[in-house]
Amino acid sequence: MRSVKARTMAISLAALKATRQSILVAGGTNKLPAIRAALNGGYANVLVTDLNDAEALLREQE
């Protein structure tokens, strides 16, 4: 079996930030700080998450 590193591709954070579209897929209240950081940092401009996380993020915007 090939190593995880051999099966993984990555780009730099600067390159990620410069892409036209970057999709973040994450869910679970334990992931809220990471989701918030990625969105606030401009590393993602599309979010796919669960209802509870979406509502929590929206409440923060009020």
Protein backbone atom coordinates (compact mmCIF):
# COMPACT_ATOMS: atom_id res chain seq x y z
CA MET A 1 0.00 0.00 0.00
CA ARG A 2 1.27 3.47 -0.90
CA SER A 3 1.87 5.98 1.87
CA VAL A 4 -0.58 8.77 2.63
CA LYS A 5 2.01 11.29 1.42
CA ALA A 6 2.18 9.51 -1.94
CA ARG A 7 -1.61 9.69 -2.28
CA THR A 8 -2.01 13.31 -1.19
CA MET A 9 -1.64 16.49 -3.19
CA ALA A 10 -1.38 19.94 -1.69
CA ILE A 11 -0.83 23.55 -2.64
CA SER A 12 0.59 26.37 -0.57
CA LEU A 13 -1.72 28.54 1.50
CA ALA A 14 -0.84 31.51 -0.71
CA ALA A 15 -1.87 29.56 -3.82
CA LEU A 16 -5.07 28.41 -2.10
CA LYS A 17 -5.95 31.97 -1.17
CA ALA A 18 -5.36 33.11 -4.76
CA THR A 19 -7.68 30.56 -6.36
CA ARG A 20 -10.96 31.77 -7.83
CA GLN A 21 -13.00 29.13 -6.03
CA SER A 22 -12.04 27.15 -2.95
CA ILE A 23 -14.55 24.79 -1.34
CA LEU A 24 -14.42 23.93 2.37
CA VAL A 25 -16.31 20.81 3.43
CA ALA A 26 -16.49 20.40 7.21
CA GLY A 27 -19.06 19.76 9.89
CA GLY A 28 -19.46 19.24 13.59
CA THR A 29 -19.39 21.82 16.36
CA ASN A 30 -15.84 20.76 17.23
CA LYS A 31 -14.78 22.04 13.78
CA LEU A 32 -16.36 25.50 14.13
CA PRO A 33 -13.11 27.26 15.11
CA ALA A 34 -11.31 25.80 12.07
CA ILE A 35 -14.22 26.62 9.74
CA ARG A 36 -14.34 30.18 11.06
CA ALA A 37 -10.57 30.59 10.68
CA ALA A 38 -10.57 29.30 7.09
CA LEU A 39 -13.42 31.61 6.10
CA ASN A 40 -12.03 34.65 7.92
CA GLY A 41 -8.58 33.99 6.47
CA GLY A 42 -9.95 33.94 2.93
CA TYR A 43 -8.89 30.33 2.31
CA ALA A 44 -12.39 29.24 1.26
CA ASN A 45 -15.24 31.04 -0.44
CA VAL A 46 -17.72 28.15 -0.61
CA LEU A 47 -18.77 26.24 2.50
CA VAL A 48 -20.53 22.88 2.68
CA THR A 49 -21.50 22.12 6.28
CA ASP A 50 -24.30 20.86 8.48
CA LEU A 51 -27.30 22.91 9.58
CA ASN A 52 -26.14 23.42 13.18
CA ASP A 53 -22.77 24.82 12.10
CA ALA A 54 -24.35 27.03 9.44
CA GLU A 55 -26.78 28.48 11.97
CA ALA A 56 -24.00 29.04 14.51
CA LEU A 57 -21.89 30.90 11.94
CA LEU A 58 -24.87 33.02 10.88
CA ARG A 59 -25.69 33.90 14.50
CA GLU A 60 -22.16 35.25 14.86
CA GLN A 61 -22.82 37.65 11.96
CA GLU A 62 -25.85 39.24 13.64
